[in-house]
Amino acid sequence: MSKINLTLVTKEGCVHCAQTKELLKKIQPEYPELVVEEIDMTTPQGQELISKFGIMSSPGIIINDELFSMGGTTGKELGEKLATVRLQARQQQ
């Protein structure tokens, strides 16, 4: 099973970041291949990702090195995207 790498670019005190982290906790059991990395946007690595992907609001959600969302997401949107990424990975095997 191919890994799905999800990078969450967050900042302290961000309400949408907290909501997205809770959403990921709920959805993670359905996607054992999901690897989540959280990066604070105020760090050099966070600043690099903001510049690279043009992230304008937090959280920035990057899936397999492609910007998926900024400013939060819904469980439905994230679930659909992860299902699509999973299907594409299976087709490539």
N, C-alpha and C. Protein backbone atom coordinates (compact mmCIF):
# COMPACT_ATOMS: atom_id res chain seq x y z
N MET A 1 0.84 -1.18 0.00
CA MET A 1 0.00 0.00 0.00
C MET A 1 0.89 1.24 0.00
N SER A 2 0.63 2.14 -0.92
CA SER A 2 1.41 3.37 -1.02
C SER A 2 1.00 4.35 0.07
N LYS A 3 2.00 5.07 0.59
CA LYS A 3 1.73 6.07 1.61
C LYS A 3 1.07 7.30 0.97
N ILE A 4 0.22 7.95 1.76
CA ILE A 4 -0.33 9.25 1.39
C ILE A 4 0.28 10.24 2.37
N ASN A 5 1.09 11.15 1.87
CA ASN A 5 1.74 12.13 2.73
C ASN A 5 0.92 13.41 2.78
N LEU A 6 0.50 13.79 3.98
CA LEU A 6 -0.28 15.00 4.17
C LEU A 6 0.50 15.92 5.09
N THR A 7 0.78 17.12 4.61
CA THR A 7 1.46 18.13 5.41
C THR A 7 0.45 19.19 5.78
N LEU A 8 0.39 19.48 7.07
CA LEU A 8 -0.53 20.47 7.60
C LEU A 8 0.31 21.67 8.05
N VAL A 9 0.16 22.80 7.36
CA VAL A 9 0.92 24.01 7.69
C VAL A 9 0.00 24.86 8.58
N THR A 10 0.39 24.97 9.85
CA THR A 10 -0.48 25.58 10.86
C THR A 10 0.19 26.75 11.57
N LYS A 11 -0.62 27.43 12.39
CA LYS A 11 -0.06 28.43 13.29
C LYS A 11 -0.79 28.32 14.63
N GLU A 12 -0.11 28.67 15.69
CA GLU A 12 -0.68 28.59 17.02
C GLU A 12 -1.89 29.51 17.14
N GLY A 13 -2.95 28.99 17.77
CA GLY A 13 -4.15 29.78 17.98
C GLY A 13 -5.12 29.78 16.81
N CYS A 14 -4.83 29.07 15.79
CA CYS A 14 -5.66 29.02 14.57
C CYS A 14 -6.84 28.05 14.80
N VAL A 15 -8.05 28.59 14.75
CA VAL A 15 -9.26 27.78 14.98
C VAL A 15 -9.44 26.73 13.88
N HIS A 16 -9.25 27.12 12.63
CA HIS A 16 -9.41 26.16 11.52
C HIS A 16 -8.35 25.06 11.58
N CYS A 17 -7.16 25.40 12.08
CA CYS A 17 -6.11 24.40 12.24
C CYS A 17 -6.54 23.33 13.25
N ALA A 18 -7.08 23.78 14.38
CA ALA A 18 -7.54 22.85 15.42
C ALA A 18 -8.67 21.96 14.88
N GLN A 19 -9.60 22.55 14.13
CA GLN A 19 -10.70 21.78 13.55
C GLN A 19 -10.18 20.75 12.56
N THR A 20 -9.21 21.14 11.76
CA THR A 20 -8.65 20.22 10.76
C THR A 20 -7.90 19.07 11.44
N LYS A 21 -7.17 19.38 12.52
CA LYS A 21 -6.46 18.31 13.26
C LYS A 21 -7.45 17.31 13.84
N GLU A 22 -8.58 17.79 14.37
CA GLU A 22 -9.61 16.90 14.90
C GLU A 22 -10.21 16.04 13.78
N LEU A 23 -10.44 16.65 12.65
CA LEU A 23 -10.96 15.94 11.48
C LEU A 23 -10.00 14.83 11.06
N LEU A 24 -8.72 15.13 11.05
CA LEU A 24 -7.71 14.13 10.68
C LEU A 24 -7.69 12.96 11.66
N LYS A 25 -7.87 13.25 12.95
CA LYS A 25 -7.91 12.18 13.95
C LYS A 25 -9.08 11.23 13.67
N LYS A 26 -10.21 11.80 13.26
CA LYS A 26 -11.40 10.98 12.98
C LYS A 26 -11.24 10.16 11.70
N ILE A 27 -10.60 10.74 10.70
CA ILE A 27 -10.52 10.10 9.39
C ILE A 27 -9.32 9.13 9.28
N GLN A 28 -8.33 9.31 10.13
CA GLN A 28 -7.10 8.51 10.05
C GLN A 28 -7.33 6.99 10.11
N PRO A 29 -8.23 6.48 10.96
CA PRO A 29 -8.44 5.01 10.99
C PRO A 29 -8.88 4.43 9.64
N GLU A 30 -9.56 5.22 8.83
CA GLU A 30 -10.00 4.76 7.50
C GLU A 30 -8.84 4.74 6.50
N TYR A 31 -7.78 5.45 6.82
CA TYR A 31 -6.63 5.59 5.91
C TYR A 31 -5.34 5.26 6.64
N PRO A 32 -5.07 3.98 6.88
CA PRO A 32 -3.85 3.61 7.61
C PRO A 32 -2.58 4.02 6.86
N GLU A 33 -2.69 4.26 5.56
CA GLU A 33 -1.52 4.67 4.77
C GLU A 33 -1.26 6.16 4.87
N LEU A 34 -2.12 6.89 5.57
CA LEU A 34 -1.98 8.35 5.71
C LEU A 34 -0.90 8.69 6.73
N VAL A 35 0.10 9.47 6.28
CA VAL A 35 1.18 9.94 7.14
C VAL A 35 1.03 11.46 7.24
N VAL A 36 0.77 11.94 8.46
CA VAL A 36 0.51 13.37 8.68
C VAL A 36 1.72 14.02 9.34
N GLU A 37 2.14 15.14 8.77
CA GLU A 37 3.21 15.94 9.35
C GLU A 37 2.67 17.36 9.54
N GLU A 38 2.84 17.88 10.75
CA GLU A 38 2.40 19.24 11.03
C GLU A 38 3.62 20.15 11.08
N ILE A 39 3.55 21.27 10.37
CA ILE A 39 4.65 22.22 10.33
C ILE A 39 4.11 23.60 10.68
N ASP A 40 4.74 24.26 11.64
CA ASP A 40 4.34 25.60 12.05
C ASP A 40 4.75 26.57 10.96
N MET A 41 3.80 27.42 10.55
CA MET A 41 4.09 28.33 9.44
C MET A 41 5.11 29.41 9.79
N THR A 42 5.42 29.59 11.07
CA THR A 42 6.39 30.62 11.44
C THR A 42 7.83 30.11 11.40
N THR A 43 8.02 28.80 11.17
CA THR A 43 9.36 28.23 11.09
C THR A 43 9.91 28.43 9.68
N PRO A 44 11.23 28.33 9.51
CA PRO A 44 11.79 28.43 8.15
C PRO A 44 11.16 27.43 7.17
N GLN A 45 10.94 26.20 7.63
CA GLN A 45 10.32 25.19 6.76
C GLN A 45 8.90 25.60 6.41
N GLY A 46 8.16 26.14 7.38
CA GLY A 46 6.80 26.61 7.13
C GLY A 46 6.78 27.76 6.14
N GLN A 47 7.71 28.69 6.30
CA GLN A 47 7.80 29.83 5.38
C GLN A 47 8.12 29.37 3.95
N GLU A 48 8.96 28.36 3.86
CA GLU A 48 9.31 27.81 2.54
C GLU A 48 8.08 27.21 1.87
N LEU A 49 7.26 26.48 2.64
CA LEU A 49 6.04 25.88 2.08
C LEU A 49 5.02 26.94 1.69
N ILE A 50 4.90 27.99 2.50
CA ILE A 50 3.98 29.09 2.19
C ILE A 50 4.36 29.73 0.86
N SER A 51 5.65 29.94 0.67
CA SER A 51 6.15 30.54 -0.56
C SER A 51 5.96 29.60 -1.75
N LYS A 52 6.32 28.35 -1.57
CA LYS A 52 6.27 27.37 -2.66
C LYS A 52 4.84 27.15 -3.16
N PHE A 53 3.87 27.06 -2.22
CA PHE A 53 2.50 26.71 -2.59
C PHE A 53 1.54 27.90 -2.60
N GLY A 54 2.03 29.10 -2.24
CA GLY A 54 1.18 30.27 -2.24
C GLY A 54 0.07 30.21 -1.20
N ILE A 55 0.39 29.65 -0.04
CA ILE A 55 -0.60 29.51 1.03
C ILE A 55 -0.91 30.89 1.61
N MET A 56 -2.20 31.27 1.56
CA MET A 56 -2.63 32.60 2.02
C MET A 56 -3.33 32.56 3.37
N SER A 57 -3.84 31.39 3.77
CA SER A 57 -4.50 31.27 5.07
C SER A 57 -4.25 29.88 5.64
N SER A 58 -4.30 29.81 6.96
CA SER A 58 -4.01 28.54 7.61
C SER A 58 -5.31 27.82 7.98
N PRO A 59 -5.25 26.49 7.99
CA PRO A 59 -4.09 25.68 7.66
C PRO A 59 -3.95 25.48 6.15
N GLY A 60 -2.72 25.32 5.73
CA GLY A 60 -2.46 24.86 4.38
C GLY A 60 -2.41 23.35 4.43
N ILE A 61 -3.08 22.68 3.53
CA ILE A 61 -3.09 21.22 3.49
C ILE A 61 -2.47 20.78 2.18
N ILE A 62 -1.34 20.11 2.30
CA ILE A 62 -0.59 19.63 1.13
C ILE A 62 -0.66 18.11 1.14
N ILE A 63 -1.13 17.53 0.04
CA ILE A 63 -1.22 16.08 -0.07
C ILE A 63 -0.33 15.62 -1.21
N ASN A 64 0.64 14.77 -0.85
CA ASN A 64 1.61 14.25 -1.83
C ASN A 64 2.21 15.38 -2.68
N ASP A 65 2.68 16.41 -1.99
CA ASP A 65 3.38 17.54 -2.59
C ASP A 65 2.50 18.35 -3.56
N GLU A 66 1.19 18.38 -3.29
CA GLU A 66 0.25 19.18 -4.08
C GLU A 66 -0.69 19.90 -3.12
N LEU A 67 -0.83 21.21 -3.28
CA LEU A 67 -1.72 21.96 -2.41
C LEU A 67 -3.16 21.49 -2.61
N PHE A 68 -3.79 21.07 -1.53
CA PHE A 68 -5.19 20.63 -1.58
C PHE A 68 -6.12 21.74 -1.11
N SER A 69 -5.76 22.40 -0.01
CA SER A 69 -6.68 23.36 0.58
C SER A 69 -5.92 24.35 1.45
N MET A 70 -6.52 25.53 1.63
CA MET A 70 -6.02 26.46 2.64
C MET A 70 -7.21 27.08 3.33
N GLY A 71 -7.06 27.36 4.62
CA GLY A 71 -8.15 27.94 5.39
C GLY A 71 -9.13 26.92 5.93
N GLY A 72 -8.77 25.65 5.87
CA GLY A 72 -9.63 24.59 6.39
C GLY A 72 -10.30 23.79 5.30
N THR A 73 -11.00 22.74 5.71
CA THR A 73 -11.69 21.85 4.79
C THR A 73 -12.82 21.16 5.53
N THR A 74 -13.62 20.42 4.81
CA THR A 74 -14.68 19.63 5.45
C THR A 74 -14.29 18.16 5.39
N GLY A 75 -14.93 17.37 6.23
CA GLY A 75 -14.68 15.93 6.21
C GLY A 75 -15.01 15.32 4.87
N LYS A 76 -16.07 15.81 4.25
CA LYS A 76 -16.48 15.30 2.93
C LYS A 76 -15.41 15.60 1.88
N GLU A 77 -14.96 16.84 1.83
CA GLU A 77 -13.93 17.22 0.84
C GLU A 77 -12.64 16.43 1.04
N LEU A 78 -12.20 16.35 2.29
CA LEU A 78 -10.95 15.64 2.57
C LEU A 78 -11.10 14.16 2.28
N GLY A 79 -12.22 13.57 2.67
CA GLY A 79 -12.45 12.15 2.41
C GLY A 79 -12.46 11.84 0.92
N GLU A 80 -13.11 12.70 0.14
CA GLU A 80 -13.14 12.50 -1.32
C GLU A 80 -11.74 12.60 -1.92
N LYS A 81 -10.96 13.57 -1.46
CA LYS A 81 -9.60 13.74 -1.99
C LYS A 81 -8.73 12.54 -1.63
N LEU A 82 -8.80 12.08 -0.38
CA LEU A 82 -7.99 10.93 0.03
C LEU A 82 -8.40 9.67 -0.72
N ALA A 83 -9.69 9.50 -0.96
CA ALA A 83 -10.16 8.33 -1.71
C ALA A 83 -9.63 8.38 -3.15
N THR A 84 -9.61 9.58 -3.73
CA THR A 84 -9.09 9.75 -5.09
C THR A 84 -7.59 9.45 -5.14
N VAL A 85 -6.85 9.96 -4.17
CA VAL A 85 -5.40 9.73 -4.12
C VAL A 85 -5.12 8.25 -3.93
N ARG A 86 -5.90 7.59 -3.07
CA ARG A 86 -5.73 6.14 -2.83
C ARG A 86 -5.98 5.38 -4.12
N LEU A 87 -7.03 5.70 -4.84
CA LEU A 87 -7.38 5.01 -6.09
C LEU A 87 -6.27 5.22 -7.13
N GLN A 88 -5.77 6.44 -7.24
CA GLN A 88 -4.69 6.71 -8.21
C GLN A 88 -3.44 5.92 -7.87
N ALA A 89 -3.13 5.78 -6.60
CA ALA A 89 -1.95 5.03 -6.18
C ALA A 89 -2.11 3.54 -6.53
N ARG A 90 -3.31 3.02 -6.35
CA ARG A 90 -3.56 1.61 -6.67
C ARG A 90 -3.47 1.35 -8.17
N GLN A 91 -3.94 2.31 -8.97
CA GLN A 91 -3.89 2.16 -10.42
C GLN A 91 -2.47 2.20 -10.96
N GLN A 92 -1.58 2.88 -10.24
CA GLN A 92 -0.19 2.99 -10.67
C GLN A 92 0.64 1.78 -10.29
N GLN A 93 0.12 0.94 -9.41
CA GLN A 93 0.89 -0.23 -8.96
C GLN A 93 0.84 -1.34 -9.98
